[in-house]
Amino acid sequence: MFIVSLEYIKDLVEVDKHIDAHVSYLHKFYAQKIFLFSGRKVPRTGGVIMANCTSLEQLQKIIEQDPFHRAAVARYQITEMIPTMSADNLNMFKEYI
């Protein structure tokens, strides 16, 4: 599982030009059950995506499809994690060690 932290590197006026395409991109990977949740940072300096990918390489290929990436309006920091604790309704994502 991966946490993707996006940081905008362009003004919000430029970011907003790509919002609709970015939302469509998110919907595509929610439909494939790869993205689990996402949202804006507060203050609005970027966003966060929780992704259930099989590998870092798979995630990098997915990020390359993001309109924000293609327009170079955001940079991405990826953190891999192994969920070992969760709320009961999220147990399906836990890995037991």
PDB file of N, CA and C in Angstrom:
ATOM      1  N   MET A   1       0.851  -1.165   0.000  1.00  0.00           N
ATOM      2  CA  MET A   1       0.000   0.000   0.000  1.00  0.00           C
ATOM      3  C   MET A   1       0.898   1.228   0.000  1.00  0.00           C
ATOM      4  N   PHE A   2       0.401   2.307  -0.619  1.00  0.00           N
ATOM      5  CA  PHE A   2       1.218   3.492  -0.785  1.00  0.00           C
ATOM      6  C   PHE A   2       0.435   4.753  -0.449  1.00  0.00           C
ATOM      7  N   ILE A   3       1.123   5.708   0.141  1.00  0.00           N
ATOM      8  CA  ILE A   3       0.590   7.045   0.346  1.00  0.00           C
ATOM      9  C   ILE A   3       1.296   7.948  -0.660  1.00  0.00           C
ATOM     10  N   VAL A   4       0.515   8.622  -1.470  1.00  0.00           N
ATOM     11  CA  VAL A   4       1.059   9.547  -2.453  1.00  0.00           C
ATOM     12  C   VAL A   4       0.710  10.955  -1.992  1.00  0.00           C
ATOM     13  N   SER A   5       1.738  11.756  -1.766  1.00  0.00           N
ATOM     14  CA  SER A   5       1.544  13.140  -1.352  1.00  0.00           C
ATOM     15  C   SER A   5       1.917  14.040  -2.526  1.00  0.00           C
ATOM     16  N   LEU A   6       0.947  14.798  -2.999  1.00  0.00           N
ATOM     17  CA  LEU A   6       1.177  15.734  -4.097  1.00  0.00           C
ATOM     18  C   LEU A   6       1.411  17.121  -3.517  1.00  0.00           C
ATOM     19  N   GLU A   7       2.373  17.814  -4.072  1.00  0.00           N
ATOM     20  CA  GLU A   7       2.628  19.200  -3.708  1.00  0.00           C
ATOM     21  C   GLU A   7       2.555  20.032  -4.983  1.00  0.00           C
ATOM     22  N   TYR A   8       1.681  21.027  -4.984  1.00  0.00           N
ATOM     23  CA  TYR A   8       1.579  21.883  -6.157  1.00  0.00           C
ATOM     24  C   TYR A   8       2.850  22.701  -6.304  1.00  0.00           C
ATOM     25  N   ILE A   9       3.346  22.781  -7.527  1.00  0.00           N
ATOM     26  CA  ILE A   9       4.554  23.555  -7.805  1.00  0.00           C
ATOM     27  C   ILE A   9       4.254  24.703  -8.763  1.00  0.00           C
ATOM     28  N   LYS A  10       2.983  24.879  -9.083  1.00  0.00           N
ATOM     29  CA  LYS A  10       2.507  26.005  -9.890  1.00  0.00           C
ATOM     30  C   LYS A  10       1.385  26.697  -9.129  1.00  0.00           C
ATOM     31  N   ASP A  11       1.049  27.898  -9.545  1.00  0.00           N
ATOM     32  CA  ASP A  11      -0.054  28.629  -8.926  1.00  0.00           C
ATOM     33  C   ASP A  11      -1.359  27.854  -9.073  1.00  0.00           C
ATOM     34  N   LEU A  12      -2.277  28.073  -8.121  1.00  0.00           N
ATOM     35  CA  LEU A  12      -3.568  27.381  -8.169  1.00  0.00           C
ATOM     36  C   LEU A  12      -4.338  27.678  -9.444  1.00  0.00           C
ATOM     37  N   VAL A  13      -4.139  28.852 -10.030  1.00  0.00           N
ATOM     38  CA  VAL A  13      -4.804  29.172 -11.295  1.00  0.00           C
ATOM     39  C   VAL A  13      -4.405  28.152 -12.355  1.00  0.00           C
ATOM     40  N   GLU A  14      -3.134  27.783 -12.391  1.00  0.00           N
ATOM     41  CA  GLU A  14      -2.652  26.788 -13.355  1.00  0.00           C
ATOM     42  C   GLU A  14      -3.132  25.386 -12.976  1.00  0.00           C
ATOM     43  N   VAL A  15      -3.090  25.058 -11.685  1.00  0.00           N
ATOM     44  CA  VAL A  15      -3.568  23.754 -11.199  1.00  0.00           C
ATOM     45  C   VAL A  15      -5.033  23.564 -11.576  1.00  0.00           C
ATOM     46  N   ASP A  16      -5.843  24.600 -11.346  1.00  0.00           N
ATOM     47  CA  ASP A  16      -7.281  24.496 -11.580  1.00  0.00           C
ATOM     48  C   ASP A  16      -7.633  24.231 -13.042  1.00  0.00           C
ATOM     49  N   LYS A  17      -6.765  24.568 -13.957  1.00  0.00           N
ATOM     50  CA  LYS A  17      -6.999  24.274 -15.373  1.00  0.00           C
ATOM     51  C   LYS A  17      -7.062  22.767 -15.627  1.00  0.00           C
ATOM     52  N   HIS A  18      -6.496  21.977 -14.725  1.00  0.00           N
ATOM     53  CA  HIS A  18      -6.389  20.528 -14.910  1.00  0.00           C
ATOM     54  C   HIS A  18      -7.240  19.730 -13.922  1.00  0.00           C
ATOM     55  N   ILE A  19      -8.038  20.428 -13.103  1.00  0.00           N
ATOM     56  CA  ILE A  19      -8.835  19.756 -12.053  1.00  0.00           C
ATOM     57  C   ILE A  19      -9.803  18.736 -12.646  1.00  0.00           C
ATOM     58  N   ASP A  20     -10.578  19.113 -13.649  1.00  0.00           N
ATOM     59  CA  ASP A  20     -11.579  18.185 -14.202  1.00  0.00           C
ATOM     60  C   ASP A  20     -10.923  16.922 -14.737  1.00  0.00           C
ATOM     61  N   ALA A  21      -9.815  17.079 -15.448  1.00  0.00           N
ATOM     62  CA  ALA A  21      -9.105  15.905 -15.975  1.00  0.00           C
ATOM     63  C   ALA A  21      -8.523  15.074 -14.843  1.00  0.00           C
ATOM     64  N   HIS A  22      -8.039  15.732 -13.793  1.00  0.00           N
ATOM     65  CA  HIS A  22      -7.482  15.012 -12.638  1.00  0.00           C
ATOM     66  C   HIS A  22      -8.576  14.206 -11.932  1.00  0.00           C
ATOM     67  N   VAL A  23      -9.751  14.792 -11.787  1.00  0.00           N
ATOM     68  CA  VAL A  23     -10.861  14.072 -11.144  1.00  0.00           C
ATOM     69  C   VAL A  23     -11.267  12.861 -11.979  1.00  0.00           C
ATOM     70  N   SER A  24     -11.291  12.997 -13.288  1.00  0.00           N
ATOM     71  CA  SER A  24     -11.589  11.850 -14.160  1.00  0.00           C
ATOM     72  C   SER A  24     -10.539  10.761 -13.985  1.00  0.00           C
ATOM     73  N   TYR A  25      -9.293  11.158 -13.903  1.00  0.00           N
ATOM     74  CA  TYR A  25      -8.184  10.223 -13.639  1.00  0.00           C
ATOM     75  C   TYR A  25      -8.410   9.488 -12.315  1.00  0.00           C
ATOM     76  N   LEU A  26      -8.775  10.212 -11.270  1.00  0.00           N
ATOM     77  CA  LEU A  26      -9.039   9.571  -9.978  1.00  0.00           C
ATOM     78  C   LEU A  26     -10.162   8.550 -10.099  1.00  0.00           C
ATOM     79  N   HIS A  27     -11.257   8.941 -10.751  1.00  0.00           N
ATOM     80  CA  HIS A  27     -12.400   8.023 -10.923  1.00  0.00           C
ATOM     81  C   HIS A  27     -11.978   6.738 -11.626  1.00  0.00           C
ATOM     82  N   LYS A  28     -11.117   6.852 -12.617  1.00  0.00           N
ATOM     83  CA  LYS A  28     -10.650   5.676 -13.352  1.00  0.00           C
ATOM     84  C   LYS A  28      -9.999   4.666 -12.401  1.00  0.00           C
ATOM     85  N   PHE A  29      -9.156   5.140 -11.494  1.00  0.00           N
ATOM     86  CA  PHE A  29      -8.442   4.215 -10.618  1.00  0.00           C
ATOM     87  C   PHE A  29      -9.243   3.836  -9.369  1.00  0.00           C
ATOM     88  N   TYR A  30     -10.261   4.631  -9.012  1.00  0.00           N
ATOM     89  CA  TYR A  30     -11.217   4.158  -8.008  1.00  0.00           C
ATOM     90  C   TYR A  30     -12.019   2.993  -8.583  1.00  0.00           C
ATOM     91  N   ALA A  31     -12.421   3.084  -9.837  1.00  0.00           N
ATOM     92  CA  ALA A  31     -13.196   2.015 -10.478  1.00  0.00           C
ATOM     93  C   ALA A  31     -12.402   0.722 -10.536  1.00  0.00           C
ATOM     94  N   GLN A  32     -11.081   0.827 -10.629  1.00  0.00           N
ATOM     95  CA  GLN A  32     -10.220  -0.358 -10.648  1.00  0.00           C
ATOM     96  C   GLN A  32      -9.839  -0.820  -9.239  1.00  0.00           C
ATOM     97  N   LYS A  33     -10.370  -0.123  -8.234  1.00  0.00           N
ATOM     98  CA  LYS A  33     -10.123  -0.451  -6.819  1.00  0.00           C
ATOM     99  C   LYS A  33      -8.643  -0.309  -6.442  1.00  0.00           C
ATOM    100  N   ILE A  34      -7.955   0.584  -7.135  1.00  0.00           N
ATOM    101  CA  ILE A  34      -6.554   0.865  -6.814  1.00  0.00           C
ATOM    102  C   ILE A  34      -6.472   2.039  -5.850  1.00  0.00           C
ATOM    103  N   PHE A  35      -7.246   3.102  -6.089  1.00  0.00           N
ATOM    104  CA  PHE A  35      -7.272   4.222  -5.158  1.00  0.00           C
ATOM    105  C   PHE A  35      -8.323   3.945  -4.092  1.00  0.00           C
ATOM    106  N   LEU A  36      -7.944   4.167  -2.843  1.00  0.00           N
ATOM    107  CA  LEU A  36      -8.833   3.901  -1.715  1.00  0.00           C
ATOM    108  C   LEU A  36      -9.464   5.169  -1.169  1.00  0.00           C
ATOM    109  N   PHE A  37      -8.701   6.254  -1.102  1.00  0.00           N
ATOM    110  CA  PHE A  37      -9.241   7.562  -0.772  1.00  0.00           C
ATOM    111  C   PHE A  37      -8.260   8.621  -1.231  1.00  0.00           C
ATOM    112  N   SER A  38      -8.783   9.832  -1.347  1.00  0.00           N
ATOM    113  CA  SER A  38      -7.952  10.949  -1.784  1.00  0.00           C
ATOM    114  C   SER A  38      -8.595  12.227  -1.296  1.00  0.00           C
ATOM    115  N   GLY A  39      -7.818  13.300  -1.327  1.00  0.00           N
ATOM    116  CA  GLY A  39      -8.372  14.587  -0.936  1.00  0.00           C
ATOM    117  C   GLY A  39      -7.325  15.680  -0.946  1.00  0.00           C
ATOM    118  N   ARG A  40      -7.821  16.897  -0.790  1.00  0.00           N
ATOM    119  CA  ARG A  40      -6.968  18.076  -0.768  1.00  0.00           C
ATOM    120  C   ARG A  40      -6.295  18.233   0.584  1.00  0.00           C
ATOM    121  N   LYS A  41      -5.102  18.789   0.557  1.00  0.00           N
ATOM    122  CA  LYS A  41      -4.445  19.205   1.791  1.00  0.00           C
ATOM    123  C   LYS A  41      -5.058  20.526   2.245  1.00  0.00           C
ATOM    124  N   VAL A  42      -4.987  20.771   3.543  1.00  0.00           N
ATOM    125  CA  VAL A  42      -5.441  22.030   4.112  1.00  0.00           C
ATOM    126  C   VAL A  42      -4.257  22.648   4.839  1.00  0.00           C
ATOM    127  N   PRO A  43      -3.777  23.815   4.410  1.00  0.00           N
ATOM    128  CA  PRO A  43      -4.273  24.627   3.311  1.00  0.00           C
ATOM    129  C   PRO A  43      -4.038  23.937   1.971  1.00  0.00           C
ATOM    130  N   ARG A  44      -4.646  24.470   0.929  1.00  0.00           N
ATOM    131  CA  ARG A  44      -4.646  23.825  -0.389  1.00  0.00           C
ATOM    132  C   ARG A  44      -3.284  23.987  -1.089  1.00  0.00           C
ATOM    133  N   THR A  45      -2.357  23.140  -0.682  1.00  0.00           N
ATOM    134  CA  THR A  45      -1.004  23.137  -1.252  1.00  0.00           C
ATOM    135  C   THR A  45      -0.741  21.874  -2.062  1.00  0.00           C
ATOM    136  N   GLY A  46      -1.733  21.001  -2.137  1.00  0.00           N
ATOM    137  CA  GLY A  46      -1.576  19.735  -2.834  1.00  0.00           C
ATOM    138  C   GLY A  46      -2.671  18.785  -2.414  1.00  0.00           C
ATOM    139  N   GLY A  47      -2.363  17.493  -2.476  1.00  0.00           N
ATOM    140  CA  GLY A  47      -3.349  16.482  -2.117  1.00  0.00           C
ATOM    141  C   GLY A  47      -2.684  15.202  -1.674  1.00  0.00           C
ATOM    142  N   VAL A  48      -3.507  14.246  -1.277  1.00  0.00           N
ATOM    143  CA  VAL A  48      -3.032  12.945  -0.808  1.00  0.00           C
ATOM    144  C   VAL A  48      -3.893  11.866  -1.447  1.00  0.00           C
ATOM    145  N   ILE A  49      -3.250  10.786  -1.866  1.00  0.00           N
ATOM    146  CA  ILE A  49      -3.951   9.616  -2.403  1.00  0.00           C
ATOM    147  C   ILE A  49      -3.436   8.384  -1.680  1.00  0.00           C
ATOM    148  N   MET A  50      -4.336   7.531  -1.218  1.00  0.00           N
ATOM    149  CA  MET A  50      -3.973   6.218  -0.689  1.00  0.00           C
ATOM    150  C   MET A  50      -4.219   5.222  -1.799  1.00  0.00           C
ATOM    151  N   ALA A  51      -3.162   4.495  -2.181  1.00  0.00           N
ATOM    152  CA  ALA A  51      -3.242   3.582  -3.320  1.00  0.00           C
ATOM    153  C   ALA A  51      -2.881   2.165  -2.897  1.00  0.00           C
ATOM    154  N   ASN A  52      -3.684   1.218  -3.342  1.00  0.00           N
ATOM    155  CA  ASN A  52      -3.452  -0.194  -3.068  1.00  0.00           C
ATOM    156  C   ASN A  52      -2.882  -0.833  -4.336  1.00  0.00           C
ATOM    157  N   CYS A  53      -1.579  -0.659  -4.537  1.00  0.00           N
ATOM    158  CA  CYS A  53      -0.886  -1.175  -5.721  1.00  0.00           C
ATOM    159  C   CYS A  53      -0.046  -2.388  -5.354  1.00  0.00           C
ATOM    160  N   THR A  54       0.265  -3.180  -6.355  1.00  0.00           N
ATOM    161  CA  THR A  54       1.085  -4.369  -6.110  1.00  0.00           C
ATOM    162  C   THR A  54       2.570  -4.047  -6.067  1.00  0.00           C
ATOM    163  N   SER A  55       2.965  -2.888  -6.635  1.00  0.00           N
ATOM    164  CA  SER A  55       4.386  -2.536  -6.642  1.00  0.00           C
ATOM    165  C   SER A  55       4.556  -1.033  -6.846  1.00  0.00           C
ATOM    166  N   LEU A  56       5.729  -0.557  -6.495  1.00  0.00           N
ATOM    167  CA  LEU A  56       6.070   0.836  -6.737  1.00  0.00           C
ATOM    168  C   LEU A  56       6.062   1.132  -8.230  1.00  0.00           C
ATOM    169  N   GLU A  57       6.524   0.199  -9.025  1.00  0.00           N
ATOM    170  CA  GLU A  57       6.549   0.391 -10.475  1.00  0.00           C
ATOM    171  C   GLU A  57       5.140   0.580 -11.033  1.00  0.00           C
ATOM    172  N   GLN A  58       4.188  -0.216 -10.548  1.00  0.00           N
ATOM    173  CA  GLN A  58       2.801  -0.068 -10.984  1.00  0.00           C
ATOM    174  C   GLN A  58       2.294   1.331 -10.635  1.00  0.00           C
ATOM    175  N   LEU A  59       2.569   1.768  -9.421  1.00  0.00           N
ATOM    176  CA  LEU A  59       2.108   3.089  -8.983  1.00  0.00           C
ATOM    177  C   LEU A  59       2.753   4.197  -9.817  1.00  0.00           C
ATOM    178  N   GLN A  60       4.024   4.077 -10.102  1.00  0.00           N
ATOM    179  CA  GLN A  60       4.695   5.101 -10.906  1.00  0.00           C
ATOM    180  C   GLN A  60       4.076   5.210 -12.294  1.00  0.00           C
ATOM    181  N   LYS A  61       3.697   4.095 -12.887  1.00  0.00           N
ATOM    182  CA  LYS A  61       3.035   4.121 -14.197  1.00  0.00           C
ATOM    183  C   LYS A  61       1.665   4.793 -14.105  1.00  0.00           C
ATOM    184  N   ILE A  62       0.980   4.575 -12.989  1.00  0.00           N
ATOM    185  CA  ILE A  62      -0.323   5.208 -12.776  1.00  0.00           C
ATOM    186  C   ILE A  62      -0.147   6.712 -12.601  1.00  0.00           C
ATOM    187  N   ILE A  63       0.834   7.132 -11.829  1.00  0.00           N
ATOM    188  CA  ILE A  63       1.076   8.560 -11.611  1.00  0.00           C
ATOM    189  C   ILE A  63       1.420   9.260 -12.922  1.00  0.00           C
ATOM    190  N   GLU A  64       2.134   8.594 -13.794  1.00  0.00           N
ATOM    191  CA  GLU A  64       2.485   9.188 -15.088  1.00  0.00           C
ATOM    192  C   GLU A  64       1.250   9.548 -15.906  1.00  0.00           C
ATOM    193  N   GLN A  65       0.110   8.927 -15.602  1.00  0.00           N
ATOM    194  CA  GLN A  65      -1.138   9.211 -16.311  1.00  0.00           C
ATOM    195  C   GLN A  65      -1.900  10.402 -15.730  1.00  0.00           C
ATOM    196  N   ASP A  66      -1.493  10.857 -14.552  1.00  0.00           N
ATOM    197  CA  ASP A  66      -2.194  11.959 -13.887  1.00  0.00           C
ATOM    198  C   ASP A  66      -2.009  13.246 -14.688  1.00  0.00           C
ATOM    199  N   PRO A  67      -3.108  13.914 -15.028  1.00  0.00           N
ATOM    200  CA  PRO A  67      -2.990  15.190 -15.723  1.00  0.00           C
ATOM    201  C   PRO A  67      -2.135  16.218 -14.970  1.00  0.00           C
ATOM    202  N   PHE A  68      -2.138  16.174 -13.658  1.00  0.00           N
ATOM    203  CA  PHE A  68      -1.264  17.066 -12.891  1.00  0.00           C
ATOM    204  C   PHE A  68       0.206  16.762 -13.175  1.00  0.00           C
ATOM    205  N   HIS A  69       0.532  15.486 -13.307  1.00  0.00           N
ATOM    206  CA  HIS A  69       1.907  15.089 -13.623  1.00  0.00           C
ATOM    207  C   HIS A  69       2.258  15.522 -15.048  1.00  0.00           C
ATOM    208  N   ARG A  70       1.367  15.239 -15.970  1.00  0.00           N
ATOM    209  CA  ARG A  70       1.615  15.566 -17.385  1.00  0.00           C
ATOM    210  C   ARG A  70       1.769  17.067 -17.600  1.00  0.00           C
ATOM    211  N   ALA A  71       1.045  17.873 -16.832  1.00  0.00           N
ATOM    212  CA  ALA A  71       1.123  19.332 -16.961  1.00  0.00           C
ATOM    213  C   ALA A  71       2.225  19.921 -16.081  1.00  0.00           C
ATOM    214  N   ALA A  72       2.896  19.076 -15.319  1.00  0.00           N
ATOM    215  CA  ALA A  72       3.984  19.510 -14.435  1.00  0.00           C
ATOM    216  C   ALA A  72       3.535  20.593 -13.456  1.00  0.00           C
ATOM    217  N   VAL A  73       2.349  20.377 -12.853  1.00  0.00           N
ATOM    218  CA  VAL A  73       1.863  21.326 -11.848  1.00  0.00           C
ATOM    219  C   VAL A  73       2.032  20.799 -10.427  1.00  0.00           C
ATOM    220  N   ALA A  74       2.483  19.548 -10.297  1.00  0.00           N
ATOM    221  CA  ALA A  74       2.653  18.958  -8.966  1.00  0.00           C
ATOM    222  C   ALA A  74       3.870  18.049  -8.949  1.00  0.00           C
ATOM    223  N   ARG A  75       4.451  17.924  -7.762  1.00  0.00           N
ATOM    224  CA  ARG A  75       5.489  16.903  -7.550  1.00  0.00           C
ATOM    225  C   ARG A  75       4.895  15.884  -6.591  1.00  0.00           C
ATOM    226  N   TYR A  76       5.450  14.686  -6.639  1.00  0.00           N
ATOM    227  CA  TYR A  76       4.874  13.548  -5.923  1.00  0.00           C
ATOM    228  C   TYR A  76       5.906  12.952  -4.974  1.00  0.00           C
ATOM    229  N   GLN A  77       5.467  12.702  -3.756  1.00  0.00           N
ATOM    230  CA  GLN A  77       6.277  11.954  -2.792  1.00  0.00           C
ATOM    231  C   GLN A  77       5.502  10.673  -2.495  1.00  0.00           C
ATOM    232  N   ILE A  78       6.180   9.541  -2.630  1.00  0.00           N
ATOM    233  CA  ILE A  78       5.533   8.236  -2.433  1.00  0.00           C
ATOM    234  C   ILE A  78       6.123   7.577  -1.199  1.00  0.00           C
ATOM    235  N   THR A  79       5.236   7.111  -0.319  1.00  0.00           N
ATOM    236  CA  THR A  79       5.642   6.382   0.873  1.00  0.00           C
ATOM    237  C   THR A  79       4.955   5.026   0.848  1.00  0.00           C
ATOM    238  N   GLU A  80       5.742   3.971   0.892  1.00  0.00           N
ATOM    239  CA  GLU A  80       5.160   2.629   0.983  1.00  0.00           C
ATOM    240  C   GLU A  80       4.914   2.310   2.445  1.00  0.00           C
ATOM    241  N   MET A  81       3.809   1.637   2.710  1.00  0.00           N
ATOM    242  CA  MET A  81       3.502   1.246   4.087  1.00  0.00           C
ATOM    243  C   MET A  81       2.845  -0.130   4.099  1.00  0.00           C
ATOM    244  N   ILE A  82       2.982  -0.795   5.219  1.00  0.00           N
ATOM    245  CA  ILE A  82       2.310  -2.074   5.450  1.00  0.00           C
ATOM    246  C   ILE A  82       1.299  -1.842   6.560  1.00  0.00           C
ATOM    247  N   PRO A  83       0.005  -1.813   6.243  1.00  0.00           N
ATOM    248  CA  PRO A  83      -1.002  -1.581   7.279  1.00  0.00           C
ATOM    249  C   PRO A  83      -1.092  -2.779   8.231  1.00  0.00           C
ATOM    250  N   THR A  84      -0.860  -2.533   9.484  1.00  0.00           N
ATOM    251  CA  THR A  84      -0.941  -3.598  10.487  1.00  0.00           C
ATOM    252  C   THR A  84      -2.064  -3.365  11.489  1.00  0.00           C
ATOM    253  N   MET A  85      -2.608  -2.172  11.524  1.00  0.00           N
ATOM    254  CA  MET A  85      -3.763  -1.861  12.367  1.00  0.00           C
ATOM    255  C   MET A  85      -4.737  -1.046  11.539  1.00  0.00           C
ATOM    256  N   SER A  86      -6.032  -1.208  11.815  1.00  0.00           N
ATOM    257  CA  SER A  86      -7.038  -0.429  11.096  1.00  0.00           C
ATOM    258  C   SER A  86      -8.338  -0.430  11.884  1.00  0.00           C
ATOM    259  N   ALA A  87      -9.235   0.452  11.476  1.00  0.00           N
ATOM    260  CA  ALA A  87     -10.603   0.392  11.967  1.00  0.00           C
ATOM    261  C   ALA A  87     -11.206  -0.914  11.457  1.00  0.00           C
ATOM    262  N   ASP A  88     -12.184  -1.447  12.183  1.00  0.00           N
ATOM    263  CA  ASP A  88     -12.760  -2.746  11.832  1.00  0.00           C
ATOM    264  C   ASP A  88     -13.259  -2.806  10.388  1.00  0.00           C
ATOM    265  N   ASN A  89     -13.830  -1.721   9.892  1.00  0.00           N
ATOM    266  CA  ASN A  89     -14.375  -1.746   8.525  1.00  0.00           C
ATOM    267  C   ASN A  89     -13.285  -1.685   7.452  1.00  0.00           C
ATOM    268  N   LEU A  90     -12.024  -1.566   7.858  1.00  0.00           N
ATOM    269  CA  LEU A  90     -10.911  -1.545   6.912  1.00  0.00           C
ATOM    270  C   LEU A  90      -9.978  -2.739   7.083  1.00  0.00           C
ATOM    271  N   ASN A  91     -10.401  -3.739   7.809  1.00  0.00           N
ATOM    272  CA  ASN A  91      -9.553  -4.907   8.081  1.00  0.00           C
ATOM    273  C   ASN A  91      -9.048  -5.589   6.816  1.00  0.00           C
ATOM    274  N   MET A  92      -9.780  -5.485   5.731  1.00  0.00           N
ATOM    275  CA  MET A  92      -9.380  -6.167   4.496  1.00  0.00           C
ATOM    276  C   MET A  92      -8.036  -5.676   3.978  1.00  0.00           C
ATOM    277  N   PHE A  93      -7.573  -4.501   4.427  1.00  0.00           N
ATOM    278  CA  PHE A  93      -6.324  -3.951   3.937  1.00  0.00           C
ATOM    279  C   PHE A  93      -5.134  -4.250   4.843  1.00  0.00           C
ATOM    280  N   LYS A  94      -5.392  -4.838   5.998  1.00  0.00           N
ATOM    281  CA  LYS A  94      -4.312  -5.135   6.933  1.00  0.00           C
ATOM    282  C   LYS A  94      -3.506  -6.326   6.465  1.00  0.00           C
ATOM    283  N   GLU A  95      -2.210  -6.250   6.740  1.00  0.00           N
ATOM    284  CA  GLU A  95      -1.324  -7.386   6.540  1.00  0.00           C
ATOM    285  C   GLU A  95      -0.858  -7.827   7.907  1.00  0.00           C
ATOM    286  N   TYR A  96      -0.962  -9.095   8.150  1.00  0.00           N
ATOM    287  CA  TYR A  96      -0.538  -9.620   9.436  1.00  0.00           C
ATOM    288  C   TYR A  96       0.899 -10.133   9.314  1.00  0.00           C
ATOM    289  N   ILE A  97       1.701  -9.720  10.232  1.00  0.00           N
ATOM    290  CA  ILE A  97       3.124 -10.117  10.211  1.00  0.00           C
ATOM    291  C   ILE A  97       3.375 -11.176  11.258  1.00  0.00           C
TER     292      ILE A  97
END
